[in-house]
Amino acid sequence: MAKKVTLAQSRLLAYFPRFVVYLAILHSIAVTLQLNETSANFIQQYLALTVEKVVRFLGYPITVHANNLMDPTTFRYVVVDNECTGLLLLASVLAALLALNKSPWHKLATVLIATGVMQLENLSRIVHLYIEMTTPNNNFDFYHLYVWQAINFVTALLVLWTLDKLFRDKTTND
């Protein structure tokens, strides 16, 4: 006897293949950008220079050499590498948003908003970690490995949930 598929199950069955395709495409783009030395260096250095501006605005000393953020008083430094760019998390969030059954305009809006929010969160993370690194007896590793990973996860979920609710199409039964 065949089991009847519910509406929620059919939506999930339609969503999942779209998500996997978007995920493969966007992760491929992110990995390609990270493997290409020119684009990787550009992204890392741009992020380092942006962090420098924020850190200086907050009144902390900082020196930037390529993608290295250095405290000129303690000579400690943080390296902004591919893992710091947040591109893979962003690719995952965008894939989840693009796979939703939304109008093209709503998809574009969600992608732009999600990119902005996720990059601001990533910038805040690096600024905080830099400032934490400059303090004596700091908890850099704890914040880097645990606190910010949890914040990244929660932020990604909140962005997905909020944008799904905010851009609910009237024409679809999402």
Protein backbone atom coordinates (compact mmCIF):
# COMPACT_ATOMS: atom_id res chain seq x y z
CA MET A 1 0.00 0.00 0.00
CA ALA A 2 1.47 3.37 -1.05
CA LYS A 3 1.84 6.00 1.60
CA LYS A 4 0.37 9.41 0.88
CA VAL A 5 2.94 12.25 0.76
CA THR A 6 1.94 15.29 2.79
CA LEU A 7 2.23 18.84 1.50
CA ALA A 8 5.13 19.55 3.88
CA GLN A 9 6.97 16.43 2.69
CA SER A 10 6.46 17.35 -0.95
CA ARG A 11 7.81 20.87 -0.31
CA LEU A 12 10.87 19.39 1.36
CA LEU A 13 11.34 16.94 -1.51
CA ALA A 14 11.21 19.86 -3.96
CA TYR A 15 13.45 22.08 -1.82
CA PHE A 16 16.28 19.65 -1.10
CA PRO A 17 17.49 19.04 -4.69
CA ARG A 18 17.44 22.80 -5.39
CA PHE A 19 19.42 23.41 -2.21
CA VAL A 20 22.04 20.79 -3.11
CA VAL A 21 22.49 22.26 -6.61
CA TYR A 22 22.82 25.84 -5.30
CA LEU A 23 25.13 24.62 -2.56
CA ALA A 24 27.41 22.85 -5.05
CA ILE A 25 27.52 25.88 -7.35
CA LEU A 26 28.11 28.49 -4.64
CA HIS A 27 30.65 26.40 -2.75
CA SER A 28 32.50 25.79 -6.02
CA ILE A 29 32.64 29.54 -6.61
CA ALA A 30 33.83 30.21 -3.06
CA VAL A 31 36.50 27.51 -3.22
CA THR A 32 37.65 28.75 -6.64
CA LEU A 33 37.99 32.29 -5.27
CA GLN A 34 39.98 30.93 -2.32
CA LEU A 35 42.25 28.74 -4.44
CA ASN A 36 43.05 31.53 -6.89
CA GLU A 37 45.95 33.40 -5.34
CA THR A 38 44.98 36.76 -6.83
CA SER A 39 41.35 36.72 -5.72
CA ALA A 40 42.19 35.17 -2.33
CA ASN A 41 44.82 37.84 -1.60
CA PHE A 42 42.46 40.61 -2.73
CA ILE A 43 39.62 39.40 -0.48
CA GLN A 44 41.91 38.84 2.51
CA GLN A 45 43.66 42.20 2.16
CA TYR A 46 40.39 44.07 1.62
CA LEU A 47 38.98 42.46 4.76
CA ALA A 48 42.17 43.28 6.71
CA LEU A 49 42.02 46.93 5.62
CA THR A 50 38.34 47.14 6.57
CA VAL A 51 39.11 45.69 10.01
CA GLU A 52 41.93 48.22 10.35
CA LYS A 53 39.51 51.11 9.76
CA VAL A 54 37.04 49.81 12.36
CA VAL A 55 39.77 49.08 14.93
CA ARG A 56 41.26 52.57 14.46
CA PHE A 57 37.78 54.10 14.77
CA LEU A 58 37.38 52.25 18.08
CA GLY A 59 40.66 53.77 19.27
CA TYR A 60 42.94 50.73 19.26
CA PRO A 61 46.42 50.68 17.73
CA ILE A 62 46.83 48.47 14.67
CA THR A 63 49.27 47.92 11.84
CA VAL A 64 48.37 46.03 8.67
CA HIS A 65 50.86 44.18 6.49
CA ALA A 66 49.05 42.50 3.57
CA ASN A 67 46.59 40.26 5.42
CA ASN A 68 48.28 40.42 8.85
CA LEU A 69 46.73 42.53 11.60
CA MET A 70 49.40 43.42 14.15
CA ASP A 71 49.23 45.17 17.49
CA PRO A 72 52.25 47.54 17.46
CA THR A 73 52.45 47.55 21.25
CA THR A 74 52.54 43.79 21.91
CA PHE A 75 53.67 42.62 18.44
CA ARG A 76 50.95 39.98 18.50
CA TYR A 77 49.16 39.47 15.24
CA VAL A 78 46.17 37.86 13.59
CA VAL A 79 46.30 36.52 10.05
CA VAL A 80 43.23 37.04 7.89
CA ASP A 81 43.24 33.88 5.76
CA ASN A 82 40.65 32.04 3.67
CA GLU A 83 38.92 30.70 6.77
CA CYS A 84 38.38 34.28 7.98
CA THR A 85 36.53 35.44 4.89
CA GLY A 86 33.28 33.71 5.78
CA LEU A 87 32.72 32.78 2.13
CA LEU A 88 31.80 29.15 2.74
CA LEU A 89 29.23 30.01 5.42
CA LEU A 90 27.85 32.74 3.18
CA ALA A 91 27.61 30.27 0.28
CA SER A 92 25.64 27.87 2.49
CA VAL A 93 23.24 30.57 3.67
CA LEU A 94 22.72 31.88 0.13
CA ALA A 95 22.12 28.35 -1.19
CA ALA A 96 19.44 27.82 1.45
CA LEU A 97 17.78 31.12 0.54
CA LEU A 98 17.96 30.60 -3.22
CA ALA A 99 16.43 27.15 -2.91
CA LEU A 100 13.30 28.60 -1.34
CA ASN A 101 10.28 28.93 -3.61
CA LYS A 102 10.41 32.74 -3.92
CA SER A 103 10.03 35.23 -6.75
CA PRO A 104 13.26 36.33 -8.48
CA TRP A 105 12.98 39.80 -6.89
CA HIS A 106 12.57 38.32 -3.43
CA LYS A 107 15.52 36.01 -4.02
CA LEU A 108 17.67 38.96 -5.09
CA ALA A 109 16.61 40.97 -2.04
CA THR A 110 17.30 38.07 0.35
CA VAL A 111 20.72 37.45 -1.21
CA LEU A 112 21.72 41.12 -0.88
CA ILE A 113 20.47 41.44 2.70
CA ALA A 114 21.96 38.11 3.79
CA THR A 115 25.32 38.99 2.25
CA GLY A 116 25.38 42.31 4.07
CA VAL A 117 24.35 40.87 7.43
CA MET A 118 26.72 37.90 7.23
CA GLN A 119 29.67 40.08 6.19
CA LEU A 120 28.95 42.61 8.97
CA GLU A 121 28.84 39.76 11.47
CA ASN A 122 32.13 38.41 10.09
CA LEU A 123 33.74 41.85 10.28
CA SER A 124 32.56 42.18 13.90
CA ARG A 125 34.04 38.76 14.65
CA ILE A 126 37.48 39.66 13.32
CA VAL A 127 37.48 43.07 15.04
CA HIS A 128 36.53 41.45 18.34
CA LEU A 129 39.16 38.74 17.97
CA TYR A 130 41.84 41.33 17.15
CA ILE A 131 40.93 43.41 20.21
CA GLU A 132 40.79 40.28 22.37
CA MET A 133 44.24 39.25 21.10
CA THR A 134 45.74 42.55 22.24
CA THR A 135 44.72 42.10 25.87
CA PRO A 136 47.02 40.37 28.36
CA ASN A 137 45.90 36.88 29.39
CA ASN A 138 43.31 36.91 26.63
CA ASN A 139 40.78 34.25 25.73
CA PHE A 140 41.35 34.44 21.98
CA ASP A 141 41.18 30.68 21.39
CA PHE A 142 37.99 30.29 23.43
CA TYR A 143 36.22 33.08 21.54
CA HIS A 144 37.61 31.96 18.18
CA LEU A 145 36.84 28.27 18.53
CA TYR A 146 33.63 28.27 20.54
CA VAL A 147 31.84 31.57 21.01
CA TRP A 148 32.13 32.87 17.46
CA GLN A 149 31.32 29.48 15.93
CA ALA A 150 28.08 29.45 17.90
CA ILE A 151 27.36 33.06 16.94
CA ASN A 152 28.00 32.23 13.27
CA PHE A 153 25.56 29.32 13.44
CA VAL A 154 22.84 31.27 15.23
CA THR A 155 23.27 34.26 12.91
CA ALA A 156 22.94 32.03 9.85
CA LEU A 157 19.74 30.47 11.23
CA LEU A 158 18.28 33.86 12.18
CA VAL A 159 19.07 35.30 8.76
CA LEU A 160 17.41 32.34 7.04
CA TRP A 161 14.33 32.41 9.26
CA THR A 162 13.92 36.21 9.20
CA LEU A 163 14.35 36.58 5.45
CA ASP A 164 12.02 33.68 4.75
CA LYS A 165 9.34 35.34 6.88
CA LEU A 166 10.06 38.86 5.62
CA PHE A 167 9.91 37.91 1.94
CA ARG A 168 7.05 35.45 2.01
CA ASP A 169 5.47 35.48 -1.45
CA LYS A 170 1.73 35.97 -1.51
CA THR A 171 1.49 33.88 -4.70
CA THR A 172 3.17 30.79 -3.24
CA ASN A 173 2.18 28.58 -0.38
CA ASP A 174 5.58 28.59 1.32
